[in-house]
C-alpha atoms as a PDB file:
ATOM      1  CA  MET A   1      52.028  20.464   4.532  1.00  0.00           C
ATOM      2  CA  VAL A   2      52.200  16.700   4.882  1.00  0.00           C
ATOM      3  CA  LEU A   3      48.433  16.520   4.378  1.00  0.00           C
ATOM      4  CA  LEU A   4      48.647  18.562   1.165  1.00  0.00           C
ATOM      5  CA  GLN A   5      51.404  16.290  -0.144  1.00  0.00           C
ATOM      6  CA  LYS A   6      49.272  13.228   0.617  1.00  0.00           C
ATOM      7  CA  LEU A   7      46.281  14.726  -1.175  1.00  0.00           C
ATOM      8  CA  LYS A   8      48.434  15.614  -4.186  1.00  0.00           C
ATOM      9  CA  LEU A   9      49.900  12.114  -4.242  1.00  0.00           C
ATOM     10  CA  SER A  10      46.465  10.509  -4.007  1.00  0.00           C
ATOM     11  CA  LYS A  11      45.229  12.584  -6.954  1.00  0.00           C
ATOM     12  CA  GLU A  12      48.270  11.680  -9.031  1.00  0.00           C
ATOM     13  CA  THR A  13      48.036   7.967  -8.261  1.00  0.00           C
ATOM     14  CA  SER A  14      44.237   7.668  -8.482  1.00  0.00           C
ATOM     15  CA  PRO A  15      43.093   5.620 -11.480  1.00  0.00           C
ATOM     16  CA  ARG A  16      41.680   7.525 -14.403  1.00  0.00           C
ATOM     17  CA  ARG A  17      38.562   6.507 -16.241  1.00  0.00           C
ATOM     18  CA  LEU A  18      39.277   4.565 -19.370  1.00  0.00           C
ATOM     19  CA  PRO A  19      37.880   6.109 -22.548  1.00  0.00           C
ATOM     20  CA  LEU A  20      34.777   4.370 -23.846  1.00  0.00           C
ATOM     21  CA  ILE A  21      35.189   2.434 -27.066  1.00  0.00           C
ATOM     22  CA  LYS A  22      32.640   3.890 -29.463  1.00  0.00           C
ATOM     23  CA  ASP A  23      31.658   0.865 -31.483  1.00  0.00           C
ATOM     24  CA  PRO A  24      28.688   1.034 -33.917  1.00  0.00           C
ATOM     25  CA  GLY A  25      27.093  -1.869 -32.063  1.00  0.00           C
ATOM     26  CA  ASP A  26      27.318   0.053 -28.787  1.00  0.00           C
ATOM     27  CA  ARG A  27      25.623   3.041 -30.376  1.00  0.00           C
ATOM     28  CA  VAL A  28      22.793   0.887 -31.705  1.00  0.00           C
ATOM     29  CA  PHE A  29      22.341  -0.800 -28.341  1.00  0.00           C
ATOM     30  CA  SER A  30      22.323   2.576 -26.553  1.00  0.00           C
ATOM     31  CA  VAL A  31      19.661   3.859 -28.932  1.00  0.00           C
ATOM     32  CA  ILE A  32      17.530   0.743 -28.393  1.00  0.00           C
ATOM     33  CA  ILE A  33      17.597   0.825 -24.589  1.00  0.00           C
ATOM     34  CA  GLY A  34      17.170   4.602 -24.561  1.00  0.00           C
ATOM     35  CA  SER A  35      14.146   4.291 -26.826  1.00  0.00           C
ATOM     36  CA  ALA A  36      12.691   1.590 -24.580  1.00  0.00           C
ATOM     37  CA  SER A  37      13.050   3.835 -21.527  1.00  0.00           C
ATOM     38  CA  ALA A  38      11.521   6.775 -23.363  1.00  0.00           C
ATOM     39  CA  PHE A  39       8.628   4.574 -24.528  1.00  0.00           C
ATOM     40  CA  VAL A  40       7.809   3.575 -20.945  1.00  0.00           C
ATOM     41  CA  ILE A  41       7.785   7.224 -19.854  1.00  0.00           C
ATOM     42  CA  LEU A  42       5.651   8.235 -22.835  1.00  0.00           C
ATOM     43  CA  LEU A  43       3.256   5.364 -22.194  1.00  0.00           C
ATOM     44  CA  LEU A  44       2.746   6.409 -18.577  1.00  0.00           C
ATOM     45  CA  SER A  45       2.345  10.060 -19.581  1.00  0.00           C
ATOM     46  CA  ALA A  46      -0.195   9.138 -22.257  1.00  0.00           C
ATOM     47  CA  PHE A  47      -2.096   7.029 -19.741  1.00  0.00           C
ATOM     48  CA  VAL A  48      -2.324   9.901 -17.244  1.00  0.00           C
ATOM     49  CA  LEU A  49      -3.275  12.405 -19.950  1.00  0.00           C
ATOM     50  CA  LEU A  50      -5.985  10.093 -21.275  1.00  0.00           C
ATOM     51  CA  LEU A  51      -7.492   9.696 -17.812  1.00  0.00           C
ATOM     52  CA  PHE A  52      -7.384  13.455 -17.304  1.00  0.00           C
ATOM     53  CA  TYR A  53      -8.964  14.137 -20.699  1.00  0.00           C
ATOM     54  CA  ASP A  54     -11.787  11.638 -20.193  1.00  0.00           C
ATOM     55  CA  SER A  55     -12.511  12.983 -16.701  1.00  0.00           C
ATOM     56  CA  LEU A  56     -12.410  16.642 -17.776  1.00  0.00           C
ATOM     57  CA  GLU A  57     -16.201  16.916 -18.130  1.00  0.00           C
ATOM     58  CA  SER A  58     -16.716  15.780 -14.542  1.00  0.00           C
ATOM     59  CA  ILE A  59     -13.894  18.005 -13.263  1.00  0.00           C
ATOM     60  CA  GLN A  60     -15.353  21.097 -14.945  1.00  0.00           C
ATOM     61  CA  ARG A  61     -18.915  20.395 -13.846  1.00  0.00           C
ATOM     62  CA  PHE A  62     -18.446  19.352 -10.223  1.00  0.00           C
ATOM     63  CA  GLY A  63     -15.014  20.681  -9.270  1.00  0.00           C
ATOM     64  CA  PHE A  64     -14.117  20.154  -5.629  1.00  0.00           C
ATOM     65  CA  LYS A  65     -17.677  19.034  -4.845  1.00  0.00           C
ATOM     66  CA  PHE A  66     -16.785  15.738  -6.485  1.00  0.00           C
ATOM     67  CA  PHE A  67     -14.477  15.008  -3.536  1.00  0.00           C
ATOM     68  CA  SER A  68     -16.592  16.583  -0.778  1.00  0.00           C
ATOM     69  CA  GLY A  69     -20.082  15.521  -1.870  1.00  0.00           C
ATOM     70  CA  SER A  70     -21.774  12.347  -0.666  1.00  0.00           C
ATOM     71  CA  ASP A  71     -24.615  12.054  -3.206  1.00  0.00           C
ATOM     72  CA  TRP A  72     -24.036   9.660  -6.092  1.00  0.00           C
ATOM     73  CA  ASN A  73     -27.039   9.970  -8.410  1.00  0.00           C
ATOM     74  CA  PRO A  74     -26.220   8.901 -11.974  1.00  0.00           C
ATOM     75  CA  VAL A  75     -29.897   8.993 -13.029  1.00  0.00           C
ATOM     76  CA  GLU A  76     -31.724  12.319 -13.131  1.00  0.00           C
ATOM     77  CA  THR A  77     -35.214  12.516 -11.625  1.00  0.00           C
ATOM     78  CA  GLU A  78     -37.579  15.349 -10.711  1.00  0.00           C
ATOM     79  CA  LEU A  79     -36.465  15.273  -7.097  1.00  0.00           C
ATOM     80  CA  ASN A  80     -32.825  14.287  -7.538  1.00  0.00           C
ATOM     81  CA  PRO A  81     -30.710  15.855 -10.281  1.00  0.00           C
ATOM     82  CA  ILE A  82     -27.575  14.152 -11.538  1.00  0.00           C
ATOM     83  CA  SER A  83     -24.778  14.494  -9.004  1.00  0.00           C
ATOM     84  CA  PHE A  84     -21.549  12.662  -8.336  1.00  0.00           C
ATOM     85  CA  GLY A  85     -19.940  12.887  -4.916  1.00  0.00           C
ATOM     86  CA  ALA A  86     -17.079  10.481  -4.267  1.00  0.00           C
ATOM     87  CA  LEU A  87     -16.714  11.107  -0.523  1.00  0.00           C
ATOM     88  CA  PRO A  88     -18.290   7.754   0.530  1.00  0.00           C
ATOM     89  CA  PHE A  89     -15.894   5.912  -1.784  1.00  0.00           C
ATOM     90  CA  ILE A  90     -12.922   7.884  -0.485  1.00  0.00           C
ATOM     91  CA  PHE A  91     -14.057   7.224   3.085  1.00  0.00           C
ATOM     92  CA  GLY A  92     -14.396   3.483   2.438  1.00  0.00           C
ATOM     93  CA  THR A  93     -10.950   3.371   0.845  1.00  0.00           C
ATOM     94  CA  ILE A  94      -9.328   5.190   3.761  1.00  0.00           C
ATOM     95  CA  VAL A  95     -11.070   3.082   6.423  1.00  0.00           C
ATOM     96  CA  THR A  96     -10.346  -0.315   4.880  1.00  0.00           C
ATOM     97  CA  SER A  97      -6.750   0.572   3.982  1.00  0.00           C
ATOM     98  CA  VAL A  98      -5.881   2.045   7.390  1.00  0.00           C
ATOM     99  CA  VAL A  99      -7.504  -0.802   9.342  1.00  0.00           C
ATOM    100  CA  ALA A 100      -5.737  -3.319   7.091  1.00  0.00           C
ATOM    101  CA  LEU A 101      -2.434  -1.548   7.733  1.00  0.00           C
ATOM    102  CA  ILE A 102      -3.034  -1.597  11.500  1.00  0.00           C
ATOM    103  CA  LEU A 103      -3.748  -5.331  11.372  1.00  0.00           C
ATOM    104  CA  ALA A 104      -0.952  -6.331   8.984  1.00  0.00           C
ATOM    105  CA  THR A 105       2.013  -4.195  10.072  1.00  0.00           C
ATOM    106  CA  PRO A 106       2.607  -5.689  13.567  1.00  0.00           C
ATOM    107  CA  LEU A 107       2.298  -9.214  12.169  1.00  0.00           C
ATOM    108  CA  ALA A 108       4.690  -8.411   9.325  1.00  0.00           C
ATOM    109  CA  ILE A 109       7.304  -6.782  11.576  1.00  0.00           C
ATOM    110  CA  GLY A 110       7.084  -9.584  14.127  1.00  0.00           C
ATOM    111  CA  SER A 111       7.459 -12.219  11.421  1.00  0.00           C
ATOM    112  CA  ALA A 112      10.398 -10.356   9.872  1.00  0.00           C
ATOM    113  CA  LEU A 113      12.166 -10.127  13.241  1.00  0.00           C
ATOM    114  CA  PHE A 114      11.575 -13.829  13.864  1.00  0.00           C
ATOM    115  CA  ILE A 115      12.920 -14.822  10.443  1.00  0.00           C
ATOM    116  CA  VAL A 116      16.049 -12.658  10.664  1.00  0.00           C
ATOM    117  CA  GLU A 117      16.932 -12.689  14.363  1.00  0.00           C
ATOM    118  CA  TYR A 118      15.481 -15.823  15.954  1.00  0.00           C
ATOM    119  CA  ALA A 119      14.650 -18.587  13.484  1.00  0.00           C
ATOM    120  CA  PRO A 120      17.280 -21.072  12.280  1.00  0.00           C
ATOM    121  CA  LEU A 121      18.302 -20.504   8.687  1.00  0.00           C
ATOM    122  CA  TRP A 122      16.341 -23.488   7.356  1.00  0.00           C
ATOM    123  CA  LEU A 123      13.180 -22.504   9.234  1.00  0.00           C
ATOM    124  CA  GLY A 124      13.471 -18.878   8.163  1.00  0.00           C
ATOM    125  CA  LYS A 125      13.623 -19.921   4.521  1.00  0.00           C
ATOM    126  CA  ILE A 126      10.541 -22.113   4.895  1.00  0.00           C
ATOM    127  CA  VAL A 127       8.530 -19.401   6.658  1.00  0.00           C
ATOM    128  CA  SER A 128       9.593 -16.793   4.084  1.00  0.00           C
ATOM    129  CA  PHE A 129       8.633 -19.085   1.215  1.00  0.00           C
ATOM    130  CA  ILE A 130       5.203 -19.857   2.662  1.00  0.00           C
ATOM    131  CA  ILE A 131       4.372 -16.219   3.370  1.00  0.00           C
ATOM    132  CA  GLU A 132       5.627 -15.014  -0.007  1.00  0.00           C
ATOM    133  CA  LEU A 133       3.407 -17.597  -1.701  1.00  0.00           C
ATOM    134  CA  LEU A 134       0.515 -15.363  -0.690  1.00  0.00           C
ATOM    135  CA  VAL A 135       1.708 -12.834  -3.287  1.00  0.00           C
ATOM    136  CA  ALA A 136       1.204 -15.348  -6.089  1.00  0.00           C
ATOM    137  CA  ILE A 137      -2.428 -16.066  -5.188  1.00  0.00           C
ATOM    138  CA  PRO A 138      -4.781 -14.243  -7.615  1.00  0.00           C
ATOM    139  CA  SER A 139      -6.954 -11.511  -6.179  1.00  0.00           C
ATOM    140  CA  VAL A 140     -10.140 -13.248  -7.289  1.00  0.00           C
ATOM    141  CA  ALA A 141      -9.084 -16.371  -5.369  1.00  0.00           C
ATOM    142  CA  TYR A 142      -8.800 -14.262  -2.226  1.00  0.00           C
ATOM    143  CA  GLY A 143     -12.249 -12.904  -2.993  1.00  0.00           C
ATOM    144  CA  ILE A 144     -13.821 -16.347  -3.389  1.00  0.00           C
ATOM    145  CA  TRP A 145     -12.210 -17.558  -0.173  1.00  0.00           C
ATOM    146  CA  GLY A 146     -13.342 -14.410   1.587  1.00  0.00           C
ATOM    147  CA  LEU A 147     -16.910 -14.726   0.322  1.00  0.00           C
ATOM    148  CA  PHE A 148     -17.430 -18.379   1.249  1.00  0.00           C
ATOM    149  CA  VAL A 149     -15.127 -18.770   4.273  1.00  0.00           C
ATOM    150  CA  LEU A 150     -14.206 -15.426   5.823  1.00  0.00           C
ATOM    151  CA  VAL A 151     -17.617 -13.727   5.549  1.00  0.00           C
ATOM    152  CA  PRO A 152     -19.536 -16.509   7.394  1.00  0.00           C
ATOM    153  CA  PHE A 153     -16.792 -16.712  10.027  1.00  0.00           C
ATOM    154  CA  MET A 154     -16.829 -12.952  10.603  1.00  0.00           C
ATOM    155  CA  ARG A 155     -20.642 -12.908  10.734  1.00  0.00           C
ATOM    156  CA  SER A 156     -21.013 -15.780  13.190  1.00  0.00           C
ATOM    157  CA  THR A 157     -17.929 -15.424  15.395  1.00  0.00           C
ATOM    158  CA  ILE A 158     -15.694 -12.356  15.143  1.00  0.00           C
ATOM    159  CA  GLU A 159     -18.241  -9.558  14.776  1.00  0.00           C
ATOM    160  CA  PRO A 160     -20.565 -10.727  17.602  1.00  0.00           C
ATOM    161  CA  ALA A 161     -17.509 -11.100  19.850  1.00  0.00           C
ATOM    162  CA  LEU A 162     -16.347  -7.577  18.991  1.00  0.00           C
ATOM    163  CA  GLN A 163     -19.805  -6.211  19.736  1.00  0.00           C
ATOM    164  CA  THR A 164     -19.836  -7.917  23.130  1.00  0.00           C
ATOM    165  CA  LEU A 165     -16.370  -6.565  23.909  1.00  0.00           C
ATOM    166  CA  LEU A 166     -16.636  -3.002  22.579  1.00  0.00           C
ATOM    167  CA  GLU A 167     -20.297  -1.983  22.901  1.00  0.00           C
ATOM    168  CA  PRO A 168     -20.008  -1.047  26.620  1.00  0.00           C
ATOM    169  CA  ILE A 169     -17.164   1.364  25.792  1.00  0.00           C
ATOM    170  CA  PRO A 170     -18.692   4.744  24.778  1.00  0.00           C
ATOM    171  CA  LEU A 171     -16.537   5.685  21.783  1.00  0.00           C
ATOM    172  CA  LEU A 172     -15.395   2.267  20.608  1.00  0.00           C
ATOM    173  CA  GLY A 173     -18.969   1.019  20.692  1.00  0.00           C
ATOM    174  CA  LYS A 174     -19.721   3.219  17.672  1.00  0.00           C
ATOM    175  CA  LEU A 175     -17.309   1.106  15.621  1.00  0.00           C
ATOM    176  CA  VAL A 176     -19.454  -2.029  15.959  1.00  0.00           C
ATOM    177  CA  GLU A 177     -22.985  -0.659  15.693  1.00  0.00           C
ATOM    178  CA  GLY A 178     -25.477  -2.552  13.577  1.00  0.00           C
ATOM    179  CA  PRO A 179     -26.178  -6.205  12.830  1.00  0.00           C
ATOM    180  CA  PRO A 180     -23.198  -8.454  12.043  1.00  0.00           C
ATOM    181  CA  ILE A 181     -23.770  -9.214   8.367  1.00  0.00           C
ATOM    182  CA  GLY A 182     -20.242 -10.270   7.381  1.00  0.00           C
ATOM    183  CA  GLN A 183     -20.055  -8.329   4.111  1.00  0.00           C
ATOM    184  CA  ASP A 184     -18.885  -4.995   5.447  1.00  0.00           C
ATOM    185  CA  LEU A 185     -15.934  -2.658   5.899  1.00  0.00           C
ATOM    186  CA  LEU A 186     -14.360  -4.830   8.598  1.00  0.00           C
ATOM    187  CA  THR A 187     -14.268  -7.942   6.427  1.00  0.00           C
ATOM    188  CA  GLY A 188     -12.862  -5.899   3.558  1.00  0.00           C
ATOM    189  CA  SER A 189     -10.134  -4.662   5.895  1.00  0.00           C
ATOM    190  CA  VAL A 190      -9.268  -8.197   7.019  1.00  0.00           C
ATOM    191  CA  ILE A 191      -8.960  -9.518   3.456  1.00  0.00           C
ATOM    192  CA  LEU A 192      -6.760  -6.530   2.585  1.00  0.00           C
ATOM    193  CA  ALA A 193      -4.567  -7.152   5.636  1.00  0.00           C
ATOM    194  CA  ILE A 194      -3.960 -10.717   4.485  1.00  0.00           C
ATOM    195  CA  MET A 195      -3.075  -9.517   0.987  1.00  0.00           C
ATOM    196  CA  ILE A 196      -0.623  -6.784   2.006  1.00  0.00           C
ATOM    197  CA  LEU A 197       1.059  -8.862   4.731  1.00  0.00           C
ATOM    198  CA  PRO A 198       3.678 -10.504   2.442  1.00  0.00           C
ATOM    199  CA  THR A 199       4.536  -7.157   0.836  1.00  0.00           C
ATOM    200  CA  ILE A 200       5.287  -5.463   4.155  1.00  0.00           C
ATOM    201  CA  LEU A 201       7.053  -8.552   5.489  1.00  0.00           C
ATOM    202  CA  SER A 202       9.365  -8.987   2.494  1.00  0.00           C
ATOM    203  CA  VAL A 203      10.575  -5.388   2.512  1.00  0.00           C
ATOM    204  CA  SER A 204      10.881  -5.273   6.318  1.00  0.00           C
ATOM    205  CA  ARG A 205      12.909  -8.488   6.310  1.00  0.00           C
ATOM    206  CA  GLU A 206      15.433  -7.062   3.842  1.00  0.00           C
ATOM    207  CA  ILE A 207      15.657  -3.831   5.825  1.00  0.00           C
ATOM    208  CA  ILE A 208      16.300  -5.688   9.090  1.00  0.00           C
ATOM    209  CA  LYS A 209      18.918  -7.858   7.372  1.00  0.00           C
ATOM    210  CA  ASN A 210      20.673  -4.635   6.372  1.00  0.00           C
ATOM    211  CA  VAL A 211      21.248  -3.537   9.983  1.00  0.00           C
ATOM    212  CA  PRO A 212      25.059  -3.491  10.557  1.00  0.00           C
ATOM    213  CA  ARG A 213      26.339  -6.253  12.805  1.00  0.00           C
ATOM    214  CA  LEU A 214      28.540  -3.758  14.657  1.00  0.00           C
ATOM    215  CA  GLN A 215      25.479  -2.030  16.074  1.00  0.00           C
ATOM    216  CA  LYS A 216      24.048  -5.272  17.429  1.00  0.00           C
ATOM    217  CA  GLU A 217      27.362  -6.673  18.631  1.00  0.00           C
ATOM    218  CA  GLY A 218      28.204  -3.395  20.354  1.00  0.00           C
ATOM    219  CA  MET A 219      25.060  -3.552  22.475  1.00  0.00           C
ATOM    220  CA  LEU A 220      25.574  -7.252  23.179  1.00  0.00           C
ATOM    221  CA  ALA A 221      29.119  -6.486  24.345  1.00  0.00           C
ATOM    222  CA  LEU A 222      27.672  -3.981  26.814  1.00  0.00           C
ATOM    223  CA  GLY A 223      25.487  -6.701  28.313  1.00  0.00           C
ATOM    224  CA  ALA A 224      22.220  -5.975  26.514  1.00  0.00           C
ATOM    225  CA  THR A 225      19.686  -8.755  26.076  1.00  0.00           C
ATOM    226  CA  LYS A 226      18.373  -9.872  22.704  1.00  0.00           C
ATOM    227  CA  TRP A 227      15.180  -7.908  23.275  1.00  0.00           C
ATOM    228  CA  GLU A 228      17.123  -4.760  24.209  1.00  0.00           C
ATOM    229  CA  VAL A 229      19.220  -5.104  21.050  1.00  0.00           C
ATOM    230  CA  LEU A 230      16.073  -5.281  18.926  1.00  0.00           C
ATOM    231  CA  ILE A 231      14.538  -2.248  20.618  1.00  0.00           C
ATOM    232  CA  GLY A 232      17.738  -0.209  20.917  1.00  0.00           C
ATOM    233  CA  ALA A 233      19.615  -1.022  17.708  1.00  0.00           C
ATOM    234  CA  VAL A 234      17.637  -2.955  15.104  1.00  0.00           C
ATOM    235  CA  LEU A 235      14.291  -1.147  15.068  1.00  0.00           C
ATOM    236  CA  PRO A 236      15.737   2.400  15.362  1.00  0.00           C
ATOM    237  CA  TYR A 237      18.010   1.714  12.394  1.00  0.00           C
ATOM    238  CA  ALA A 238      15.255   0.094  10.342  1.00  0.00           C
ATOM    239  CA  ARG A 239      12.380   2.419  11.213  1.00  0.00           C
ATOM    240  CA  GLY A 240      12.553   4.432   7.997  1.00  0.00           C
ATOM    241  CA  GLY A 241      12.540   1.329   5.830  1.00  0.00           C
ATOM    242  CA  ILE A 242       9.729  -0.252   7.838  1.00  0.00           C
ATOM    243  CA  VAL A 243       7.650   2.884   7.349  1.00  0.00           C
ATOM    244  CA  GLY A 244       8.422   2.634   3.633  1.00  0.00           C
ATOM    245  CA  ALA A 245       7.306  -0.997   3.641  1.00  0.00           C
ATOM    246  CA  ALA A 246       4.071   0.010   5.350  1.00  0.00           C
ATOM    247  CA  MET A 247       3.488   2.731   2.759  1.00  0.00           C
ATOM    248  CA  LEU A 248       4.058   0.189   0.003  1.00  0.00           C
ATOM    249  CA  GLY A 249       1.483  -2.094   1.594  1.00  0.00           C
ATOM    250  CA  LEU A 250      -0.906   0.831   1.951  1.00  0.00           C
ATOM    251  CA  ALA A 251      -0.531   1.650  -1.744  1.00  0.00           C
ATOM    252  CA  ARG A 252      -1.459  -1.916  -2.638  1.00  0.00           C
ATOM    253  CA  ALA A 253      -4.425  -1.849  -0.267  1.00  0.00           C
ATOM    254  CA  ILE A 254      -5.718   1.363  -1.826  1.00  0.00           C
ATOM    255  CA  GLY A 255      -5.612  -0.075  -5.339  1.00  0.00           C
ATOM    256  CA  GLU A 256      -6.914  -3.587  -4.594  1.00  0.00           C
ATOM    257  CA  THR A 257     -10.171  -4.318  -6.411  1.00  0.00           C
ATOM    258  CA  MET A 258     -11.635  -7.783  -6.885  1.00  0.00           C
ATOM    259  CA  ALA A 259     -11.174  -9.314  -3.439  1.00  0.00           C
ATOM    260  CA  VAL A 260     -12.544  -6.229  -1.689  1.00  0.00           C
ATOM    261  CA  THR A 261     -15.437  -5.922  -4.134  1.00  0.00           C
ATOM    262  CA  MET A 262     -16.580  -9.444  -3.298  1.00  0.00           C
ATOM    263  CA  VAL A 263     -16.681  -8.985   0.503  1.00  0.00           C
ATOM    264  CA  ILE A 264     -17.315  -5.308   1.261  1.00  0.00           C
ATOM    265  CA  GLY A 265     -21.044  -5.275   0.513  1.00  0.00           C
ATOM    266  CA  ASN A 266     -21.294  -2.546  -2.166  1.00  0.00           C
ATOM    267  CA  SER A 267     -24.786  -1.597  -1.022  1.00  0.00           C
ATOM    268  CA  THR A 268     -24.658   1.890   0.466  1.00  0.00           C
ATOM    269  CA  THR A 269     -23.114   5.293  -0.129  1.00  0.00           C
ATOM    270  CA  LYS A 270     -23.748   6.524   3.414  1.00  0.00           C
ATOM    271  CA  ILE A 271     -20.847   7.384   5.681  1.00  0.00           C
ATOM    272  CA  SER A 272     -21.039   5.574   9.008  1.00  0.00           C
ATOM    273  CA  PRO A 273     -18.501   5.234  11.835  1.00  0.00           C
ATOM    274  CA  SER A 274     -19.391   1.559  12.186  1.00  0.00           C
ATOM    275  CA  LEU A 275     -17.101  -1.010  10.602  1.00  0.00           C
ATOM    276  CA  LEU A 276     -20.054  -3.401  10.372  1.00  0.00           C
ATOM    277  CA  THR A 277     -21.809  -1.436   7.624  1.00  0.00           C
ATOM    278  CA  PRO A 278     -21.477  -2.296   3.921  1.00  0.00           C
ATOM    279  CA  GLY A 279     -19.527   0.173   1.865  1.00  0.00           C
ATOM    280  CA  TYR A 280     -17.540   0.953  -1.243  1.00  0.00           C
ATOM    281  CA  THR A 281     -13.932   1.664  -2.002  1.00  0.00           C
ATOM    282  CA  ILE A 282     -12.863   3.709  -5.005  1.00  0.00           C
ATOM    283  CA  ALA A 283     -11.680   0.571  -6.782  1.00  0.00           C
ATOM    284  CA  SER A 284     -14.835  -1.422  -6.036  1.00  0.00           C
ATOM    285  CA  ALA A 285     -17.022   1.479  -7.181  1.00  0.00           C
ATOM    286  CA  ILE A 286     -15.188   1.545 -10.512  1.00  0.00           C
ATOM    287  CA  ALA A 287     -15.478  -2.230 -10.921  1.00  0.00           C
ATOM    288  CA  ASN A 288     -19.193  -2.259 -10.108  1.00  0.00           C
ATOM    289  CA  GLN A 289     -20.330   0.769 -12.074  1.00  0.00           C
ATOM    290  CA  PHE A 290     -18.021   1.098 -15.066  1.00  0.00           C
ATOM    291  CA  THR A 291     -20.228  -1.024 -17.345  1.00  0.00           C
ATOM    292  CA  GLU A 292     -23.311   0.940 -16.240  1.00  0.00           C
ATOM    293  CA  ALA A 293     -21.915   4.326 -17.305  1.00  0.00           C
ATOM    294  CA  ASP A 294     -24.360   4.987 -20.144  1.00  0.00           C
ATOM    295  CA  SER A 295     -23.931   8.770 -20.280  1.00  0.00           C
ATOM    296  CA  SER A 296     -20.901  10.926 -20.922  1.00  0.00           C
ATOM    297  CA  ILE A 297     -20.986  12.603 -17.508  1.00  0.00           C
ATOM    298  CA  TYR A 298     -21.370   9.242 -15.748  1.00  0.00           C
ATOM    299  CA  PHE A 299     -18.425   7.835 -17.691  1.00  0.00           C
ATOM    300  CA  SER A 300     -16.377  10.952 -16.941  1.00  0.00           C
ATOM    301  CA  ALA A 301     -17.082  10.645 -13.203  1.00  0.00           C
ATOM    302  CA  ILE A 302     -15.982   7.004 -13.174  1.00  0.00           C
ATOM    303  CA  VAL A 303     -12.761   7.922 -14.994  1.00  0.00           C
ATOM    304  CA  GLU A 304     -12.137  10.708 -12.485  1.00  0.00           C
ATOM    305  CA  LEU A 305     -12.336   8.081  -9.755  1.00  0.00           C
ATOM    306  CA  GLY A 306      -9.661   6.142 -11.639  1.00  0.00           C
ATOM    307  CA  LEU A 307      -7.492   9.251 -11.926  1.00  0.00           C
ATOM    308  CA  LEU A 308      -7.835   9.884  -8.197  1.00  0.00           C
ATOM    309  CA  LEU A 309      -6.896   6.289  -7.439  1.00  0.00           C
ATOM    310  CA  LEU A 310      -3.842   6.502  -9.700  1.00  0.00           C
ATOM    311  CA  VAL A 311      -2.599   9.717  -8.106  1.00  0.00           C
ATOM    312  CA  VAL A 312      -3.017   8.488  -4.525  1.00  0.00           C
ATOM    313  CA  ALA A 313      -1.495   5.042  -5.122  1.00  0.00           C
ATOM    314  CA  SER A 314       1.434   6.554  -7.064  1.00  0.00           C
ATOM    315  CA  ALA A 315       2.109   9.052  -4.280  1.00  0.00           C
ATOM    316  CA  PHE A 316       2.329   6.289  -1.679  1.00  0.00           C
ATOM    317  CA  ASN A 317       4.538   4.171  -3.950  1.00  0.00           C
ATOM    318  CA  ILE A 318       6.949   7.066  -4.472  1.00  0.00           C
ATOM    319  CA  LEU A 319       7.031   7.804  -0.747  1.00  0.00           C
ATOM    320  CA  ALA A 320       7.682   4.140   0.033  1.00  0.00           C
ATOM    321  CA  HIS A 321      10.525   4.014  -2.503  1.00  0.00           C
ATOM    322  CA  ILE A 322      12.170   7.127  -1.057  1.00  0.00           C
ATOM    323  CA  LEU A 323      11.983   5.874   2.523  1.00  0.00           C
ATOM    324  CA  THR A 324      13.205   2.384   1.626  1.00  0.00           C
ATOM    325  CA  GLN A 325      16.170   3.641  -0.410  1.00  0.00           C
ATOM    326  CA  TYR A 326      17.077   6.037   2.382  1.00  0.00           C
ATOM    327  CA  ILE A 327      17.402   3.277   4.943  1.00  0.00           C
ATOM    328  CA  LEU A 328      19.150   0.880   2.547  1.00  0.00           C
ATOM    329  CA  LYS A 329      21.853   3.518   2.055  1.00  0.00           C
ATOM    330  CA  GLY A 330      22.325   3.728   5.811  1.00  0.00           C
ATOM    331  CA  GLY A 331      21.104   7.292   6.202  1.00  0.00           C
ATOM    332  CA  ASP A 332      18.732   6.508   9.025  1.00  0.00           C
ATOM    333  CA  ALA A 333      21.410   4.950  11.197  1.00  0.00           C
ATOM    334  CA  ARG A 334      23.869   7.778  10.743  1.00  0.00           C
ATOM    335  CA  HIS A 335      21.339  10.463  11.608  1.00  0.00           C
ATOM    336  CA  ALA A 336      19.394   8.637  14.326  1.00  0.00           C
END
């Protein structure tokens, strides 16, 4: 009875929403911002529809074979008819993006933990500023640096060392087969890792900052060490957001073009388990071959590659947004 009276009292005393003042200026402003939002949605829809329309010829002709085939023959000959199989490009995109994610994620998480939990405030700001400067560097600048600095270094130092280390191991030795040429899938992965590092770090840092102090102080009060607090409280709370940050970095890696194009080799469409072989990504294939598409079916196949890239990158961006918003609202901590 007392509870019902309290609920009734709270309803009676709760503030009511004030009626909106319908001014002509407000109506005009609402129409303007609503039209702007609708224009953005229409623009994106038109973009997707245009890509689908221009790739329709390739979709109808090759169907699923476009994704499962490995022959890319834009010129018809007596022995080789025209065929477009994007599997080598898809394979190159997956390999470089996943390897880049494996390289960048531990560095990003470690840096984020250092900035938030260990570094003095002034040092954390300096480190954050320096790392986030990497975002402002143009992609072509990364490519030039990779071509003239990273490629020779990988060819002369890193790749021979990896061959010496991994070749005796039966399965891992397959990853480093072939001569160390520098312009290959491994170098493309390294340049991508450098480019996605600030993205993963920035989001992870904000997620870790969002961990409630009560969780950390509670473990400290029980005698836990700093390391145990990080493992037992901080990372479990932030895991969803960190996964979202990694997905965001993966989406950027999948769509990156110029830097990868300049260091990946672009000289074979064969699928090889070795990271030391030249290759293509979907984005680099589009950049290299778009101007050479002199027939309608060739042009349609290139556009279908663009449509595939858009769908995959958008899916990872949406997934990253969902995971990041989930952790920022505290859902991960309350259900962990």
